[in-house]
């Protein structure tokens, strides 16, 4: 069974940091673009960051540039999202994803095939 299990969400104060992790099983991340999306209540799911299989193509949403960092460890079949300087507007359910973007829309949810179950990130004092 193909699985993509994520963890690391929680409650953090504004200005704090959090690190999300996803671990793939049943498939290898080696040949996949990985990405992070988030969805706040009553909002559309939006792309946060992506990284190509080789790590050479990295994308960030403007809202998180300079604060979030995506990384991957293909040997461990894992992907990470380091989130620093968190703001209340970062509050959302975060999802990891993997795929081979056919149309090269790296922050578009339709380009991804495998999804984590979601983890809640709440930024509040």
N, C-alpha and C. Protein backbone atom coordinates (compact mmCIF):
# COMPACT_ATOMS: atom_id res chain seq x y z
N UNK A 1 0.84 -1.18 0.00
CA UNK A 1 0.00 0.00 0.00
C UNK A 1 0.89 1.25 0.00
N UNK A 2 0.55 2.18 -0.86
CA UNK A 2 1.30 3.42 -0.94
C UNK A 2 0.84 4.36 0.18
N UNK A 3 1.80 4.86 0.94
CA UNK A 3 1.49 5.75 2.05
C UNK A 3 2.46 6.91 2.09
N UNK A 4 1.96 8.03 2.58
CA UNK A 4 2.75 9.22 2.76
C UNK A 4 2.30 9.80 4.10
N UNK A 5 3.06 9.54 5.13
CA UNK A 5 2.66 9.85 6.49
C UNK A 5 3.42 11.07 6.99
N UNK A 6 2.69 12.06 7.49
CA UNK A 6 3.31 13.28 7.94
C UNK A 6 3.10 13.50 9.43
N UNK A 7 3.99 14.30 9.98
CA UNK A 7 3.95 14.61 11.40
C UNK A 7 4.64 15.95 11.64
N UNK A 8 4.53 16.44 12.86
CA UNK A 8 5.24 17.64 13.26
C UNK A 8 4.39 18.86 13.51
N UNK A 9 3.11 18.78 13.24
CA UNK A 9 2.24 19.91 13.48
C UNK A 9 2.03 20.14 14.97
N UNK A 10 1.42 21.27 15.28
CA UNK A 10 1.14 21.59 16.66
C UNK A 10 0.85 23.05 16.85
N UNK A 11 0.85 23.46 18.09
CA UNK A 11 0.59 24.84 18.48
C UNK A 11 1.90 25.55 18.75
N UNK A 12 2.06 26.72 18.17
CA UNK A 12 3.28 27.49 18.35
C UNK A 12 2.93 28.97 18.44
N UNK A 13 3.72 29.73 19.18
CA UNK A 13 3.49 31.16 19.32
C UNK A 13 3.98 31.91 18.09
N UNK A 14 3.39 33.07 17.81
CA UNK A 14 3.92 33.89 16.71
C UNK A 14 5.41 34.14 16.88
N UNK A 15 6.13 34.03 15.78
CA UNK A 15 7.57 34.16 15.80
C UNK A 15 8.30 32.87 16.06
N UNK A 16 7.58 31.83 16.41
CA UNK A 16 8.19 30.55 16.70
C UNK A 16 8.47 29.74 15.45
N UNK A 17 8.94 28.52 15.67
CA UNK A 17 9.34 27.64 14.58
C UNK A 17 8.71 26.27 14.75
N UNK A 18 8.59 25.59 13.62
CA UNK A 18 8.04 24.25 13.61
C UNK A 18 8.62 23.53 12.40
N UNK A 19 8.82 22.24 12.53
CA UNK A 19 9.34 21.44 11.43
C UNK A 19 8.38 20.29 11.13
N UNK A 20 7.92 20.24 9.91
CA UNK A 20 7.04 19.18 9.47
C UNK A 20 7.84 18.13 8.71
N UNK A 21 7.42 16.87 8.82
CA UNK A 21 8.09 15.78 8.15
C UNK A 21 7.07 14.87 7.48
N UNK A 22 7.46 14.32 6.35
CA UNK A 22 6.66 13.30 5.68
C UNK A 22 7.56 12.14 5.32
N UNK A 23 7.04 10.94 5.50
CA UNK A 23 7.77 9.73 5.17
C UNK A 23 6.95 8.91 4.19
N UNK A 24 7.55 8.55 3.08
CA UNK A 24 6.88 7.76 2.07
C UNK A 24 7.15 6.28 2.29
N UNK A 25 6.15 5.46 2.05
CA UNK A 25 6.31 4.02 2.06
C UNK A 25 5.49 3.43 0.92
N UNK A 26 5.97 2.34 0.38
CA UNK A 26 5.32 1.74 -0.76
C UNK A 26 5.75 2.33 -2.09
N UNK A 27 6.47 3.42 -2.04
CA UNK A 27 7.06 4.02 -3.22
C UNK A 27 8.28 4.81 -2.77
N UNK A 28 9.13 5.12 -3.70
CA UNK A 28 10.34 5.87 -3.38
C UNK A 28 10.21 7.29 -3.92
N UNK A 29 10.68 8.24 -3.13
CA UNK A 29 10.60 9.64 -3.51
C UNK A 29 11.63 10.04 -4.55
N UNK A 30 12.57 9.18 -4.79
CA UNK A 30 13.71 9.48 -5.66
C UNK A 30 13.31 10.19 -6.95
N UNK A 31 12.31 9.67 -7.63
CA UNK A 31 11.92 10.21 -8.93
C UNK A 31 10.76 11.19 -8.91
N UNK A 32 10.40 11.69 -7.74
CA UNK A 32 9.22 12.54 -7.61
C UNK A 32 9.55 13.96 -7.18
N UNK A 33 8.81 14.89 -7.71
CA UNK A 33 8.75 16.22 -7.12
C UNK A 33 7.93 16.14 -5.83
N UNK A 34 8.40 16.79 -4.79
CA UNK A 34 7.67 16.84 -3.53
C UNK A 34 7.22 18.27 -3.27
N UNK A 35 6.16 18.40 -2.50
CA UNK A 35 5.59 19.71 -2.26
C UNK A 35 4.86 19.73 -0.93
N UNK A 36 4.63 20.94 -0.47
CA UNK A 36 3.80 21.19 0.70
C UNK A 36 2.67 22.13 0.32
N UNK A 37 1.49 21.80 0.76
CA UNK A 37 0.31 22.62 0.58
C UNK A 37 -0.30 22.90 1.95
N UNK A 38 -1.14 23.90 2.00
CA UNK A 38 -1.86 24.18 3.24
C UNK A 38 -3.27 24.66 2.92
N UNK A 39 -4.15 24.42 3.88
CA UNK A 39 -5.53 24.81 3.71
C UNK A 39 -6.08 25.33 5.04
N UNK A 40 -6.41 26.59 5.04
CA UNK A 40 -7.04 27.21 6.19
C UNK A 40 -8.55 27.02 6.09
N UNK A 41 -9.26 27.13 7.21
CA UNK A 41 -10.72 26.96 7.18
C UNK A 41 -11.37 27.87 6.16
N UNK A 42 -12.23 27.31 5.35
CA UNK A 42 -13.00 28.04 4.34
C UNK A 42 -12.12 28.69 3.29
N UNK A 43 -10.91 28.20 3.13
CA UNK A 43 -10.00 28.70 2.11
C UNK A 43 -9.62 27.58 1.14
N UNK A 44 -9.17 27.97 -0.03
CA UNK A 44 -8.67 27.01 -0.99
C UNK A 44 -7.32 26.45 -0.53
N UNK A 45 -7.08 25.21 -0.90
CA UNK A 45 -5.77 24.63 -0.64
C UNK A 45 -4.74 25.32 -1.53
N UNK A 46 -3.68 25.82 -0.93
CA UNK A 46 -2.69 26.57 -1.67
C UNK A 46 -1.32 25.94 -1.56
N UNK A 47 -0.55 26.06 -2.61
CA UNK A 47 0.80 25.56 -2.61
C UNK A 47 1.72 26.44 -1.79
N UNK A 48 2.56 25.82 -1.01
CA UNK A 48 3.50 26.51 -0.14
C UNK A 48 4.92 26.43 -0.70
N UNK A 49 5.32 25.23 -1.07
CA UNK A 49 6.68 25.02 -1.55
C UNK A 49 6.76 23.71 -2.31
N UNK A 50 7.73 23.63 -3.20
CA UNK A 50 7.99 22.39 -3.92
C UNK A 50 9.47 22.24 -4.17
N UNK A 51 9.87 21.01 -4.40
CA UNK A 51 11.26 20.71 -4.73
C UNK A 51 11.29 19.55 -5.72
N UNK A 52 12.06 19.70 -6.76
CA UNK A 52 12.18 18.66 -7.76
C UNK A 52 12.94 17.46 -7.20
N UNK A 53 12.90 16.38 -7.94
CA UNK A 53 13.51 15.14 -7.46
C UNK A 53 15.01 15.29 -7.20
N UNK A 54 15.66 16.11 -8.02
CA UNK A 54 17.08 16.33 -7.86
C UNK A 54 17.40 17.43 -6.86
N UNK A 55 16.40 18.19 -6.47
CA UNK A 55 16.62 19.32 -5.60
C UNK A 55 17.00 20.59 -6.31
N UNK A 56 17.08 20.54 -7.63
CA UNK A 56 17.53 21.69 -8.38
C UNK A 56 16.49 22.74 -8.68
N UNK A 57 15.23 22.40 -8.54
CA UNK A 57 14.13 23.32 -8.81
C UNK A 57 13.31 23.46 -7.54
N UNK A 58 13.39 24.63 -6.92
CA UNK A 58 12.70 24.89 -5.66
C UNK A 58 11.78 26.09 -5.84
N UNK A 59 10.58 25.98 -5.33
CA UNK A 59 9.60 27.05 -5.45
C UNK A 59 8.97 27.32 -4.09
N UNK A 60 8.68 28.60 -3.84
CA UNK A 60 8.00 29.02 -2.63
C UNK A 60 6.89 30.00 -2.98
N UNK A 61 5.81 29.90 -2.25
CA UNK A 61 4.80 30.94 -2.32
C UNK A 61 5.38 32.24 -1.77
N UNK A 62 4.96 33.36 -2.33
CA UNK A 62 5.49 34.65 -1.89
C UNK A 62 5.29 34.87 -0.40
N UNK A 63 4.21 34.35 0.13
CA UNK A 63 3.87 34.59 1.53
C UNK A 63 4.83 33.92 2.51
N UNK A 64 5.61 32.94 2.05
CA UNK A 64 6.50 32.22 2.96
C UNK A 64 7.97 32.37 2.60
N UNK A 65 8.29 33.06 1.55
CA UNK A 65 9.68 33.23 1.15
C UNK A 65 10.48 33.90 2.26
N UNK A 66 11.63 33.33 2.52
CA UNK A 66 12.49 33.85 3.57
C UNK A 66 12.19 33.31 4.94
N UNK A 67 11.08 32.60 5.09
CA UNK A 67 10.69 32.06 6.38
C UNK A 67 10.63 30.54 6.39
N UNK A 68 10.20 29.94 5.29
CA UNK A 68 10.06 28.49 5.20
C UNK A 68 11.17 27.92 4.32
N UNK A 69 11.57 26.70 4.62
CA UNK A 69 12.58 26.01 3.83
C UNK A 69 12.15 24.57 3.60
N UNK A 70 12.09 24.17 2.35
CA UNK A 70 11.79 22.79 2.02
C UNK A 70 13.10 22.02 1.83
N UNK A 71 13.10 20.78 2.24
CA UNK A 71 14.26 19.93 2.03
C UNK A 71 13.80 18.49 1.87
N UNK A 72 14.69 17.65 1.41
CA UNK A 72 14.36 16.25 1.24
C UNK A 72 15.58 15.39 1.48
N UNK A 73 15.33 14.16 1.86
CA UNK A 73 16.37 13.17 2.05
C UNK A 73 15.90 11.91 1.34
N UNK A 74 16.34 11.74 0.12
CA UNK A 74 15.87 10.61 -0.67
C UNK A 74 16.30 9.27 -0.08
N UNK A 75 17.45 9.24 0.56
CA UNK A 75 17.91 8.01 1.18
C UNK A 75 16.97 7.55 2.29
N UNK A 76 16.35 8.51 2.97
CA UNK A 76 15.40 8.21 4.04
C UNK A 76 13.96 8.24 3.56
N UNK A 77 13.76 8.58 2.29
CA UNK A 77 12.42 8.66 1.73
C UNK A 77 11.56 9.68 2.48
N UNK A 78 12.16 10.82 2.79
CA UNK A 78 11.48 11.82 3.59
C UNK A 78 11.58 13.21 2.97
N UNK A 79 10.61 14.03 3.31
CA UNK A 79 10.59 15.43 2.92
C UNK A 79 10.25 16.25 4.16
N UNK A 80 10.80 17.46 4.23
CA UNK A 80 10.64 18.30 5.41
C UNK A 80 10.21 19.70 5.01
N UNK A 81 9.57 20.37 5.95
CA UNK A 81 9.30 21.78 5.81
C UNK A 81 9.66 22.46 7.13
N UNK A 82 10.72 23.24 7.11
CA UNK A 82 11.11 24.03 8.26
C UNK A 82 10.41 25.37 8.19
N UNK A 83 9.66 25.70 9.22
CA UNK A 83 8.88 26.93 9.25
C UNK A 83 9.38 27.80 10.39
N UNK A 84 9.91 28.96 10.04
CA UNK A 84 10.41 29.91 11.01
C UNK A 84 9.60 31.20 10.96
N UNK A 85 9.73 32.00 12.00
CA UNK A 85 9.04 33.29 12.07
C UNK A 85 7.57 33.14 11.75
N UNK A 86 6.94 32.19 12.38
CA UNK A 86 5.56 31.86 12.06
C UNK A 86 4.62 33.00 12.45
N UNK A 87 3.61 33.16 11.63
CA UNK A 87 2.59 34.20 11.80
C UNK A 87 1.23 33.55 11.99
N UNK A 88 0.31 34.25 12.63
CA UNK A 88 -1.04 33.69 12.77
C UNK A 88 -1.67 33.28 11.44
N UNK A 89 -1.38 34.01 10.37
CA UNK A 89 -1.94 33.67 9.08
C UNK A 89 -1.37 32.39 8.48
N UNK A 90 -0.34 31.83 9.10
CA UNK A 90 0.17 30.53 8.68
C UNK A 90 -0.66 29.38 9.22
N UNK A 91 -1.59 29.68 10.09
CA UNK A 91 -2.45 28.64 10.66
C UNK A 91 -3.24 27.93 9.57
N UNK A 92 -3.10 26.62 9.51
CA UNK A 92 -3.76 25.83 8.48
C UNK A 92 -3.46 24.36 8.72
N UNK A 93 -4.14 23.52 7.98
CA UNK A 93 -3.75 22.12 7.87
C UNK A 93 -2.74 22.02 6.74
N UNK A 94 -1.61 21.42 7.03
CA UNK A 94 -0.53 21.31 6.06
C UNK A 94 -0.47 19.89 5.51
N UNK A 95 -0.29 19.78 4.21
CA UNK A 95 -0.24 18.50 3.53
C UNK A 95 1.05 18.37 2.72
N UNK A 96 1.70 17.23 2.86
CA UNK A 96 2.80 16.93 1.95
C UNK A 96 2.24 16.22 0.73
N UNK A 97 2.95 16.31 -0.36
CA UNK A 97 2.50 15.72 -1.60
C UNK A 97 3.69 15.30 -2.45
N UNK A 98 3.46 14.36 -3.33
CA UNK A 98 4.48 13.91 -4.27
C UNK A 98 3.83 13.63 -5.61
N UNK A 99 4.56 13.90 -6.66
CA UNK A 99 4.05 13.67 -7.99
C UNK A 99 5.09 13.96 -9.05
N UNK A 100 4.66 13.80 -10.26
CA UNK A 100 5.48 14.16 -11.42
C UNK A 100 4.68 15.17 -12.23
N UNK A 101 4.82 16.44 -11.93
CA UNK A 101 3.96 17.48 -12.52
C UNK A 101 4.03 17.50 -14.04
N UNK A 102 2.97 17.03 -14.64
CA UNK A 102 2.91 16.92 -16.09
C UNK A 102 2.95 18.29 -16.77
N UNK A 103 2.27 19.26 -16.15
CA UNK A 103 2.20 20.60 -16.74
C UNK A 103 3.15 21.59 -16.07
N UNK A 104 4.02 21.09 -15.23
CA UNK A 104 5.03 21.90 -14.56
C UNK A 104 4.42 23.02 -13.74
N UNK A 105 3.27 22.76 -13.18
CA UNK A 105 2.63 23.69 -12.26
C UNK A 105 2.95 23.23 -10.85
N UNK A 106 4.09 23.61 -10.38
CA UNK A 106 4.67 22.98 -9.19
C UNK A 106 3.94 23.28 -7.90
N UNK A 107 3.17 24.35 -7.85
CA UNK A 107 2.40 24.69 -6.67
C UNK A 107 0.90 24.54 -6.91
N UNK A 108 0.55 23.68 -7.84
CA UNK A 108 -0.84 23.41 -8.16
C UNK A 108 -1.20 22.01 -7.69
N UNK A 109 -2.24 21.89 -6.90
CA UNK A 109 -2.59 20.61 -6.29
C UNK A 109 -2.93 19.51 -7.28
N UNK A 110 -3.42 19.88 -8.47
CA UNK A 110 -3.80 18.88 -9.45
C UNK A 110 -2.61 18.14 -10.04
N UNK A 111 -1.42 18.63 -9.81
CA UNK A 111 -0.23 18.01 -10.36
C UNK A 111 0.32 16.89 -9.48
N UNK A 112 -0.30 16.65 -8.34
CA UNK A 112 0.26 15.70 -7.38
C UNK A 112 -0.65 14.50 -7.17
N UNK A 113 -0.02 13.34 -6.98
CA UNK A 113 -0.73 12.07 -6.90
C UNK A 113 -0.81 11.50 -5.49
N UNK A 114 0.23 11.67 -4.71
CA UNK A 114 0.30 11.11 -3.37
C UNK A 114 0.24 12.22 -2.35
N UNK A 115 -0.58 12.00 -1.32
CA UNK A 115 -0.83 13.04 -0.32
C UNK A 115 -0.72 12.50 1.09
N UNK A 116 -0.15 13.31 1.95
CA UNK A 116 -0.19 13.01 3.36
C UNK A 116 -1.57 13.25 3.93
N UNK A 117 -1.77 12.81 5.16
CA UNK A 117 -3.09 12.90 5.78
C UNK A 117 -3.41 14.28 6.32
N UNK A 118 -2.42 15.14 6.36
CA UNK A 118 -2.61 16.48 6.89
C UNK A 118 -2.22 16.58 8.35
N UNK A 119 -1.61 17.69 8.71
CA UNK A 119 -1.26 17.95 10.09
C UNK A 119 -1.57 19.40 10.41
N UNK A 120 -2.19 19.63 11.55
CA UNK A 120 -2.64 20.97 11.92
C UNK A 120 -1.49 21.78 12.47
N UNK A 121 -1.33 22.99 11.94
CA UNK A 121 -0.40 23.97 12.46
C UNK A 121 -1.21 25.17 12.93
N UNK A 122 -1.08 25.49 14.19
CA UNK A 122 -1.80 26.62 14.76
C UNK A 122 -0.80 27.60 15.35
N UNK A 123 -0.85 28.83 14.89
CA UNK A 123 0.05 29.88 15.36
C UNK A 123 -0.78 30.87 16.16
N UNK A 124 -0.58 30.89 17.44
CA UNK A 124 -1.40 31.72 18.32
C UNK A 124 -0.67 31.96 19.62
N UNK A 125 -0.90 33.12 20.20
CA UNK A 125 -0.34 33.43 21.51
C UNK A 125 -1.32 33.08 22.62
